[in-house]
């Protein structure tokens, strides 16, 4: 299965539509981006799910530009920065 980035479009995540749209634009050159229904893994914070086949990584609060760029760099290089590790969801 191909890699895919799911951006939650649930009630609470929709409040950050502008930041989510910017992230989708940055990431779409590197990976398939899909808006999805509520993913039921967050606690009222925006959630991004990176799927590698059956494996998935859940990130939360990827709203500011530096965090979004850190995610894009991770997609390009496969190396996760310290900033991005801080956003990694504990249950993923």
PDB file of N, CA and C in Angstrom:
ATOM      1  N   UNK A   1       0.828  -1.181   0.000  1.00  0.00           N
ATOM      2  CA  UNK A   1       0.000   0.000   0.000  1.00  0.00           C
ATOM      3  C   UNK A   1       0.879   1.254   0.000  1.00  0.00           C
ATOM      4  N   UNK A   2       0.461   2.226  -0.720  1.00  0.00           N
ATOM      5  CA  UNK A   2       1.189   3.477  -0.851  1.00  0.00           C
ATOM      6  C   UNK A   2       1.076   4.313   0.431  1.00  0.00           C
ATOM      7  N   UNK A   3       2.072   5.149   0.637  1.00  0.00           N
ATOM      8  CA  UNK A   3       2.014   6.061   1.777  1.00  0.00           C
ATOM      9  C   UNK A   3       0.930   7.111   1.554  1.00  0.00           C
ATOM     10  N   UNK A   4       0.317   7.511   2.670  1.00  0.00           N
ATOM     11  CA  UNK A   4      -0.757   8.495   2.577  1.00  0.00           C
ATOM     12  C   UNK A   4      -0.791   9.330   3.854  1.00  0.00           C
ATOM     13  N   UNK A   5      -1.126  10.592   3.718  1.00  0.00           N
ATOM     14  CA  UNK A   5      -1.268  11.500   4.849  1.00  0.00           C
ATOM     15  C   UNK A   5      -2.748  11.813   5.000  1.00  0.00           C
ATOM     16  N   UNK A   6      -3.342  11.392   6.120  1.00  0.00           N
ATOM     17  CA  UNK A   6      -4.750  11.672   6.400  1.00  0.00           C
ATOM     18  C   UNK A   6      -4.836  12.878   7.317  1.00  0.00           C
ATOM     19  N   UNK A   7      -5.587  13.873   6.908  1.00  0.00           N
ATOM     20  CA  UNK A   7      -5.803  15.062   7.725  1.00  0.00           C
ATOM     21  C   UNK A   7      -7.238  15.013   8.229  1.00  0.00           C
ATOM     22  N   UNK A   8      -7.373  15.006   9.542  1.00  0.00           N
ATOM     23  CA  UNK A   8      -8.693  14.911  10.154  1.00  0.00           C
ATOM     24  C   UNK A   8      -9.509  16.144   9.805  1.00  0.00           C
ATOM     25  N   UNK A   9     -10.764  15.917   9.453  1.00  0.00           N
ATOM     26  CA  UNK A   9     -11.674  17.004   9.113  1.00  0.00           C
ATOM     27  C   UNK A   9     -12.887  16.963  10.038  1.00  0.00           C
ATOM     28  N   UNK A  10     -12.680  16.435  11.250  1.00  0.00           N
ATOM     29  CA  UNK A  10     -13.755  16.354  12.235  1.00  0.00           C
ATOM     30  C   UNK A  10     -14.087  17.718  12.797  1.00  0.00           C
ATOM     31  N   UNK A  11     -15.075  17.746  13.675  1.00  0.00           N
ATOM     32  CA  UNK A  11     -15.598  18.994  14.226  1.00  0.00           C
ATOM     33  C   UNK A  11     -14.501  19.861  14.864  1.00  0.00           C
ATOM     34  N   UNK A  12     -13.687  19.288  15.721  1.00  0.00           N
ATOM     35  CA  UNK A  12     -12.678  20.061  16.428  1.00  0.00           C
ATOM     36  C   UNK A  12     -11.492  20.420  15.531  1.00  0.00           C
ATOM     37  N   UNK A  13     -11.124  19.545  14.636  1.00  0.00           N
ATOM     38  CA  UNK A  13      -9.990  19.792  13.750  1.00  0.00           C
ATOM     39  C   UNK A  13     -10.340  20.813  12.673  1.00  0.00           C
ATOM     40  N   UNK A  14     -11.614  20.910  12.325  1.00  0.00           N
ATOM     41  CA  UNK A  14     -12.059  21.833  11.296  1.00  0.00           C
ATOM     42  C   UNK A  14     -11.815  23.289  11.687  1.00  0.00           C
ATOM     43  N   UNK A  15     -11.678  23.543  12.981  1.00  0.00           N
ATOM     44  CA  UNK A  15     -11.404  24.904  13.449  1.00  0.00           C
ATOM     45  C   UNK A  15     -10.069  25.413  12.914  1.00  0.00           C
ATOM     46  N   UNK A  16      -9.187  24.499  12.581  1.00  0.00           N
ATOM     47  CA  UNK A  16      -7.849  24.832  12.099  1.00  0.00           C
ATOM     48  C   UNK A  16      -7.731  24.575  10.602  1.00  0.00           C
ATOM     49  N   UNK A  17      -8.782  24.836   9.878  1.00  0.00           N
ATOM     50  CA  UNK A  17      -8.838  24.541   8.445  1.00  0.00           C
ATOM     51  C   UNK A  17      -7.746  25.256   7.660  1.00  0.00           C
ATOM     52  N   UNK A  18      -7.441  26.496   8.037  1.00  0.00           N
ATOM     53  CA  UNK A  18      -6.429  27.255   7.309  1.00  0.00           C
ATOM     54  C   UNK A  18      -5.057  26.599   7.442  1.00  0.00           C
ATOM     55  N   UNK A  19      -4.688  26.193   8.665  1.00  0.00           N
ATOM     56  CA  UNK A  19      -3.402  25.529   8.883  1.00  0.00           C
ATOM     57  C   UNK A  19      -3.373  24.164   8.200  1.00  0.00           C
ATOM     58  N   UNK A  20      -4.494  23.438   8.244  1.00  0.00           N
ATOM     59  CA  UNK A  20      -4.555  22.123   7.603  1.00  0.00           C
ATOM     60  C   UNK A  20      -4.451  22.235   6.086  1.00  0.00           C
ATOM     61  N   UNK A  21      -5.042  23.293   5.525  1.00  0.00           N
ATOM     62  CA  UNK A  21      -4.959  23.501   4.077  1.00  0.00           C
ATOM     63  C   UNK A  21      -3.522  23.795   3.664  1.00  0.00           C
ATOM     64  N   UNK A  22      -2.838  24.602   4.462  1.00  0.00           N
ATOM     65  CA  UNK A  22      -1.439  24.921   4.163  1.00  0.00           C
ATOM     66  C   UNK A  22      -0.574  23.658   4.224  1.00  0.00           C
ATOM     67  N   UNK A  23      -0.810  22.825   5.240  1.00  0.00           N
ATOM     68  CA  UNK A  23      -0.063  21.575   5.355  1.00  0.00           C
ATOM     69  C   UNK A  23      -0.321  20.676   4.152  1.00  0.00           C
ATOM     70  N   UNK A  24      -1.571  20.578   3.731  1.00  0.00           N
ATOM     71  CA  UNK A  24      -1.912  19.748   2.569  1.00  0.00           C
ATOM     72  C   UNK A  24      -1.184  20.230   1.323  1.00  0.00           C
ATOM     73  N   UNK A  25      -1.109  21.549   1.139  1.00  0.00           N
ATOM     74  CA  UNK A  25      -0.415  22.103  -0.024  1.00  0.00           C
ATOM     75  C   UNK A  25       1.080  21.810   0.022  1.00  0.00           C
ATOM     76  N   UNK A  26       1.676  21.890   1.218  1.00  0.00           N
ATOM     77  CA  UNK A  26       3.104  21.597   1.353  1.00  0.00           C
ATOM     78  C   UNK A  26       3.417  20.123   1.108  1.00  0.00           C
ATOM     79  N   UNK A  27       2.548  19.262   1.593  1.00  0.00           N
ATOM     80  CA  UNK A  27       2.828  17.826   1.562  1.00  0.00           C
ATOM     81  C   UNK A  27       2.434  17.137   0.266  1.00  0.00           C
ATOM     82  N   UNK A  28       1.520  17.712  -0.500  1.00  0.00           N
ATOM     83  CA  UNK A  28       0.996  16.999  -1.666  1.00  0.00           C
ATOM     84  C   UNK A  28       2.044  16.726  -2.749  1.00  0.00           C
ATOM     85  N   UNK A  29       3.162  17.415  -2.722  1.00  0.00           N
ATOM     86  CA  UNK A  29       4.231  17.131  -3.678  1.00  0.00           C
ATOM     87  C   UNK A  29       4.992  15.859  -3.310  1.00  0.00           C
ATOM     88  N   UNK A  30       4.868  15.422  -2.068  1.00  0.00           N
ATOM     89  CA  UNK A  30       5.655  14.296  -1.574  1.00  0.00           C
ATOM     90  C   UNK A  30       4.833  13.039  -1.281  1.00  0.00           C
ATOM     91  N   UNK A  31       3.544  13.205  -1.068  1.00  0.00           N
ATOM     92  CA  UNK A  31       2.725  12.078  -0.624  1.00  0.00           C
ATOM     93  C   UNK A  31       1.260  12.351  -0.972  1.00  0.00           C
ATOM     94  N   UNK A  32       0.474  11.294  -1.068  1.00  0.00           N
ATOM     95  CA  UNK A  32      -0.965  11.454  -1.284  1.00  0.00           C
ATOM     96  C   UNK A  32      -1.589  12.027  -0.012  1.00  0.00           C
ATOM     97  N   UNK A  33      -2.382  13.078  -0.160  1.00  0.00           N
ATOM     98  CA  UNK A  33      -3.026  13.726   0.984  1.00  0.00           C
ATOM     99  C   UNK A  33      -4.525  13.521   0.868  1.00  0.00           C
ATOM    100  N   UNK A  34      -5.144  13.123   1.987  1.00  0.00           N
ATOM    101  CA  UNK A  34      -6.571  12.862   1.985  1.00  0.00           C
ATOM    102  C   UNK A  34      -7.215  13.488   3.216  1.00  0.00           C
ATOM    103  N   UNK A  35      -8.313  14.197   3.013  1.00  0.00           N
ATOM    104  CA  UNK A  35      -9.118  14.697   4.130  1.00  0.00           C
ATOM    105  C   UNK A  35     -10.010  13.549   4.575  1.00  0.00           C
ATOM    106  N   UNK A  36     -10.117  13.330   5.863  1.00  0.00           N
ATOM    107  CA  UNK A  36     -10.915  12.211   6.331  1.00  0.00           C
ATOM    108  C   UNK A  36     -11.862  12.641   7.443  1.00  0.00           C
ATOM    109  N   UNK A  37     -12.817  11.791   7.714  1.00  0.00           N
ATOM    110  CA  UNK A  37     -13.728  12.030   8.829  1.00  0.00           C
ATOM    111  C   UNK A  37     -12.940  12.003  10.125  1.00  0.00           C
ATOM    112  N   UNK A  38     -13.639  12.264  11.216  1.00  0.00           N
ATOM    113  CA  UNK A  38     -12.984  12.235  12.521  1.00  0.00           C
ATOM    114  C   UNK A  38     -12.284  10.890  12.706  1.00  0.00           C
ATOM    115  N   UNK A  39     -11.032  10.941  13.105  1.00  0.00           N
ATOM    116  CA  UNK A  39     -10.221   9.729  13.243  1.00  0.00           C
ATOM    117  C   UNK A  39     -10.333   9.102  14.624  1.00  0.00           C
ATOM    118  N   UNK A  40     -11.018   9.775  15.535  1.00  0.00           N
ATOM    119  CA  UNK A  40     -11.293   9.257  16.887  1.00  0.00           C
ATOM    120  C   UNK A  40     -10.039   8.931  17.682  1.00  0.00           C
ATOM    121  N   UNK A  41      -8.953   9.644  17.448  1.00  0.00           N
ATOM    122  CA  UNK A  41      -7.727   9.413  18.218  1.00  0.00           C
ATOM    123  C   UNK A  41      -7.272  10.666  18.949  1.00  0.00           C
ATOM    124  N   UNK A  42      -7.989  11.754  18.788  1.00  0.00           N
ATOM    125  CA  UNK A  42      -7.523  13.008  19.383  1.00  0.00           C
ATOM    126  C   UNK A  42      -8.336  13.378  20.612  1.00  0.00           C
ATOM    127  N   UNK A  43      -7.829  14.338  21.309  1.00  0.00           N
ATOM    128  CA  UNK A  43      -8.540  14.947  22.441  1.00  0.00           C
ATOM    129  C   UNK A  43      -8.740  16.420  22.111  1.00  0.00           C
ATOM    130  N   UNK A  44      -9.551  16.688  21.109  1.00  0.00           N
ATOM    131  CA  UNK A  44      -9.879  18.049  20.672  1.00  0.00           C
ATOM    132  C   UNK A  44      -8.671  18.833  20.184  1.00  0.00           C
ATOM    133  N   UNK A  45      -7.721  18.160  19.570  1.00  0.00           N
ATOM    134  CA  UNK A  45      -6.594  18.824  18.921  1.00  0.00           C
ATOM    135  C   UNK A  45      -6.491  18.292  17.501  1.00  0.00           C
ATOM    136  N   UNK A  46      -6.050  19.104  16.556  1.00  0.00           N
ATOM    137  CA  UNK A  46      -5.933  18.640  15.173  1.00  0.00           C
ATOM    138  C   UNK A  46      -4.986  17.443  15.067  1.00  0.00           C
ATOM    139  N   UNK A  47      -5.386  16.479  14.272  1.00  0.00           N
ATOM    140  CA  UNK A  47      -4.620  15.252  14.143  1.00  0.00           C
ATOM    141  C   UNK A  47      -4.283  14.985  12.686  1.00  0.00           C
ATOM    142  N   UNK A  48      -3.050  14.539  12.472  1.00  0.00           N
ATOM    143  CA  UNK A  48      -2.554  14.145  11.158  1.00  0.00           C
ATOM    144  C   UNK A  48      -2.086  12.696  11.290  1.00  0.00           C
ATOM    145  N   UNK A  49      -2.483  11.827  10.372  1.00  0.00           N
ATOM    146  CA  UNK A  49      -2.063  10.434  10.406  1.00  0.00           C
ATOM    147  C   UNK A  49      -1.248  10.137   9.154  1.00  0.00           C
ATOM    148  N   UNK A  50      -0.027   9.664   9.366  1.00  0.00           N
ATOM    149  CA  UNK A  50       0.841   9.262   8.270  1.00  0.00           C
ATOM    150  C   UNK A  50       0.795   7.747   8.198  1.00  0.00           C
ATOM    151  N   UNK A  51       0.315   7.213   7.085  1.00  0.00           N
ATOM    152  CA  UNK A  51       0.169   5.766   6.921  1.00  0.00           C
ATOM    153  C   UNK A  51       1.254   5.219   6.001  1.00  0.00           C
ATOM    154  N   UNK A  52       1.925   4.175   6.497  1.00  0.00           N
ATOM    155  CA  UNK A  52       2.915   3.429   5.708  1.00  0.00           C
ATOM    156  C   UNK A  52       2.378   2.008   5.606  1.00  0.00           C
ATOM    157  N   UNK A  53       1.531   1.748   4.648  1.00  0.00           N
ATOM    158  CA  UNK A  53       0.905   0.435   4.572  1.00  0.00           C
ATOM    159  C   UNK A  53       0.011   0.226   5.779  1.00  0.00           C
ATOM    160  N   UNK A  54       0.300  -0.803   6.587  1.00  0.00           N
ATOM    161  CA  UNK A  54      -0.507  -1.071   7.782  1.00  0.00           C
ATOM    162  C   UNK A  54      -0.017  -0.284   8.989  1.00  0.00           C
ATOM    163  N   UNK A  55       1.198   0.224   8.919  1.00  0.00           N
ATOM    164  CA  UNK A  55       1.756   1.000  10.027  1.00  0.00           C
ATOM    165  C   UNK A  55       1.268   2.446   9.922  1.00  0.00           C
ATOM    166  N   UNK A  56       1.023   3.061  11.086  1.00  0.00           N
ATOM    167  CA  UNK A  56       0.617   4.462  11.048  1.00  0.00           C
ATOM    168  C   UNK A  56       1.281   5.229  12.181  1.00  0.00           C
ATOM    169  N   UNK A  57       1.529   6.513  11.903  1.00  0.00           N
ATOM    170  CA  UNK A  57       2.078   7.437  12.888  1.00  0.00           C
ATOM    171  C   UNK A  57       1.087   8.581  13.028  1.00  0.00           C
ATOM    172  N   UNK A  58       0.746   8.894  14.259  1.00  0.00           N
ATOM    173  CA  UNK A  58      -0.240   9.931  14.530  1.00  0.00           C
ATOM    174  C   UNK A  58       0.466  11.142  15.122  1.00  0.00           C
ATOM    175  N   UNK A  59       0.253  12.292  14.514  1.00  0.00           N
ATOM    176  CA  UNK A  59       0.823  13.548  14.984  1.00  0.00           C
ATOM    177  C   UNK A  59      -0.318  14.472  15.386  1.00  0.00           C
ATOM    178  N   UNK A  60      -0.100  15.260  16.425  1.00  0.00           N
ATOM    179  CA  UNK A  60      -1.123  16.211  16.836  1.00  0.00           C
ATOM    180  C   UNK A  60      -0.540  17.612  16.926  1.00  0.00           C
ATOM    181  N   UNK A  61      -1.407  18.589  16.782  1.00  0.00           N
ATOM    182  CA  UNK A  61      -1.047  20.007  16.871  1.00  0.00           C
ATOM    183  C   UNK A  61       0.025  20.437  15.864  1.00  0.00           C
ATOM    184  N   UNK A  62      -0.083  19.967  14.636  1.00  0.00           N
ATOM    185  CA  UNK A  62       0.826  20.410  13.571  1.00  0.00           C
ATOM    186  C   UNK A  62       0.181  21.640  12.936  1.00  0.00           C
ATOM    187  N   UNK A  63       0.307  22.783  13.633  1.00  0.00           N
ATOM    188  CA  UNK A  63      -0.377  23.989  13.176  1.00  0.00           C
ATOM    189  C   UNK A  63       0.581  25.069  12.699  1.00  0.00           C
ATOM    190  N   UNK A  64       1.703  25.242  13.379  1.00  0.00           N
ATOM    191  CA  UNK A  64       2.597  26.337  12.993  1.00  0.00           C
ATOM    192  C   UNK A  64       3.482  25.923  11.821  1.00  0.00           C
ATOM    193  N   UNK A  65       4.016  26.921  11.155  1.00  0.00           N
ATOM    194  CA  UNK A  65       4.803  26.685   9.947  1.00  0.00           C
ATOM    195  C   UNK A  65       6.034  25.825  10.165  1.00  0.00           C
ATOM    196  N   UNK A  66       6.732  26.010  11.290  1.00  0.00           N
ATOM    197  CA  UNK A  66       7.954  25.222  11.531  1.00  0.00           C
ATOM    198  C   UNK A  66       7.633  23.748  11.741  1.00  0.00           C
ATOM    199  N   UNK A  67       6.535  23.464  12.418  1.00  0.00           N
ATOM    200  CA  UNK A  67       6.146  22.073  12.618  1.00  0.00           C
ATOM    201  C   UNK A  67       5.715  21.433  11.299  1.00  0.00           C
ATOM    202  N   UNK A  68       5.023  22.201  10.469  1.00  0.00           N
ATOM    203  CA  UNK A  68       4.605  21.690   9.171  1.00  0.00           C
ATOM    204  C   UNK A  68       5.814  21.404   8.286  1.00  0.00           C
ATOM    205  N   UNK A  69       6.788  22.303   8.301  1.00  0.00           N
ATOM    206  CA  UNK A  69       8.005  22.072   7.514  1.00  0.00           C
ATOM    207  C   UNK A  69       8.784  20.874   8.043  1.00  0.00           C
ATOM    208  N   UNK A  70       8.770  20.664   9.355  1.00  0.00           N
ATOM    209  CA  UNK A  70       9.437  19.497   9.935  1.00  0.00           C
ATOM    210  C   UNK A  70       8.776  18.210   9.436  1.00  0.00           C
ATOM    211  N   UNK A  71       7.454  18.209   9.311  1.00  0.00           N
ATOM    212  CA  UNK A  71       6.744  17.044   8.790  1.00  0.00           C
ATOM    213  C   UNK A  71       7.094  16.803   7.322  1.00  0.00           C
ATOM    214  N   UNK A  72       7.159  17.878   6.541  1.00  0.00           N
ATOM    215  CA  UNK A  72       7.511  17.744   5.125  1.00  0.00           C
ATOM    216  C   UNK A  72       8.942  17.226   4.984  1.00  0.00           C
ATOM    217  N   UNK A  73       9.857  17.720   5.803  1.00  0.00           N
ATOM    218  CA  UNK A  73      11.239  17.208   5.769  1.00  0.00           C
ATOM    219  C   UNK A  73      11.287  15.727   6.129  1.00  0.00           C
ATOM    220  N   UNK A  74      10.445  15.311   7.062  1.00  0.00           N
ATOM    221  CA  UNK A  74      10.364  13.897   7.432  1.00  0.00           C
ATOM    222  C   UNK A  74       9.873  13.066   6.246  1.00  0.00           C
ATOM    223  N   UNK A  75       8.920  13.603   5.501  1.00  0.00           N
ATOM    224  CA  UNK A  75       8.431  12.897   4.313  1.00  0.00           C
ATOM    225  C   UNK A  75       9.528  12.781   3.257  1.00  0.00           C
ATOM    226  N   UNK A  76      10.355  13.807   3.135  1.00  0.00           N
ATOM    227  CA  UNK A  76      11.424  13.811   2.136  1.00  0.00           C
ATOM    228  C   UNK A  76      12.580  12.891   2.521  1.00  0.00           C
ATOM    229  N   UNK A  77      13.023  12.976   3.784  1.00  0.00           N
ATOM    230  CA  UNK A  77      14.254  12.295   4.193  1.00  0.00           C
ATOM    231  C   UNK A  77      14.044  11.031   5.011  1.00  0.00           C
ATOM    232  N   UNK A  78      12.905  10.941   5.701  1.00  0.00           N
ATOM    233  CA  UNK A  78      12.678   9.787   6.562  1.00  0.00           C
ATOM    234  C   UNK A  78      13.275   9.956   7.956  1.00  0.00           C
ATOM    235  N   UNK A  79      13.892  11.113   8.219  1.00  0.00           N
ATOM    236  CA  UNK A  79      14.488  11.389   9.527  1.00  0.00           C
ATOM    237  C   UNK A  79      13.569  12.334  10.297  1.00  0.00           C
ATOM    238  N   UNK A  80      13.178  11.921  11.514  1.00  0.00           N
ATOM    239  CA  UNK A  80      12.268  12.716  12.315  1.00  0.00           C
ATOM    240  C   UNK A  80      13.044  13.672  13.220  1.00  0.00           C
ATOM    241  N   UNK A  81      12.716  14.948  13.136  1.00  0.00           N
ATOM    242  CA  UNK A  81      13.384  15.963  13.952  1.00  0.00           C
ATOM    243  C   UNK A  81      12.830  15.945  15.377  1.00  0.00           C
ATOM    244  N   UNK A  82      13.561  16.599  16.259  1.00  0.00           N
ATOM    245  CA  UNK A  82      13.134  16.696  17.656  1.00  0.00           C
ATOM    246  C   UNK A  82      11.783  17.406  17.757  1.00  0.00           C
ATOM    247  N   UNK A  83      11.610  18.466  16.967  1.00  0.00           N
ATOM    248  CA  UNK A  83      10.341  19.206  16.968  1.00  0.00           C
ATOM    249  C   UNK A  83       9.182  18.293  16.587  1.00  0.00           C
ATOM    250  N   UNK A  84       9.375  17.457  15.583  1.00  0.00           N
ATOM    251  CA  UNK A  84       8.305  16.582  15.134  1.00  0.00           C
ATOM    252  C   UNK A  84       8.026  15.482  16.159  1.00  0.00           C
ATOM    253  N   UNK A  85       9.061  14.995  16.823  1.00  0.00           N
ATOM    254  CA  UNK A  85       8.872  13.968  17.861  1.00  0.00           C
ATOM    255  C   UNK A  85       7.999  14.481  18.990  1.00  0.00           C
ATOM    256  N   UNK A  86       8.065  15.780  19.266  1.00  0.00           N
ATOM    257  CA  UNK A  86       7.224  16.370  20.308  1.00  0.00           C
ATOM    258  C   UNK A  86       5.745  16.306  19.941  1.00  0.00           C
ATOM    259  N   UNK A  87       5.440  16.253  18.655  1.00  0.00           N
ATOM    260  CA  UNK A  87       4.067  16.203  18.189  1.00  0.00           C
ATOM    261  C   UNK A  87       3.555  14.786  17.968  1.00  0.00           C
ATOM    262  N   UNK A  88       4.401  13.804  18.137  1.00  0.00           N
ATOM    263  CA  UNK A  88       4.010  12.412  17.937  1.00  0.00           C
ATOM    264  C   UNK A  88       3.021  12.020  19.034  1.00  0.00           C
ATOM    265  N   UNK A  89       1.898  11.484  18.649  1.00  0.00           N
ATOM    266  CA  UNK A  89       0.834  11.092  19.593  1.00  0.00           C
ATOM    267  C   UNK A  89       1.308   9.871  20.373  1.00  0.00           C
ATOM    268  N   UNK A  90       1.079   9.862  21.669  1.00  0.00           N
ATOM    269  CA  UNK A  90       1.586   8.801  22.540  1.00  0.00           C
ATOM    270  C   UNK A  90       0.972   7.436  22.226  1.00  0.00           C
ATOM    271  N   UNK A  91      -0.252   7.382  21.727  1.00  0.00           N
ATOM    272  CA  UNK A  91      -0.924   6.101  21.485  1.00  0.00           C
ATOM    273  C   UNK A  91      -0.637   5.519  20.115  1.00  0.00           C
ATOM    274  N   UNK A  92       0.167   6.174  19.298  1.00  0.00           N
ATOM    275  CA  UNK A  92       0.383   5.676  17.930  1.00  0.00           C
ATOM    276  C   UNK A  92       1.374   4.541  17.914  1.00  0.00           C
TER     277      UNK A  92
END
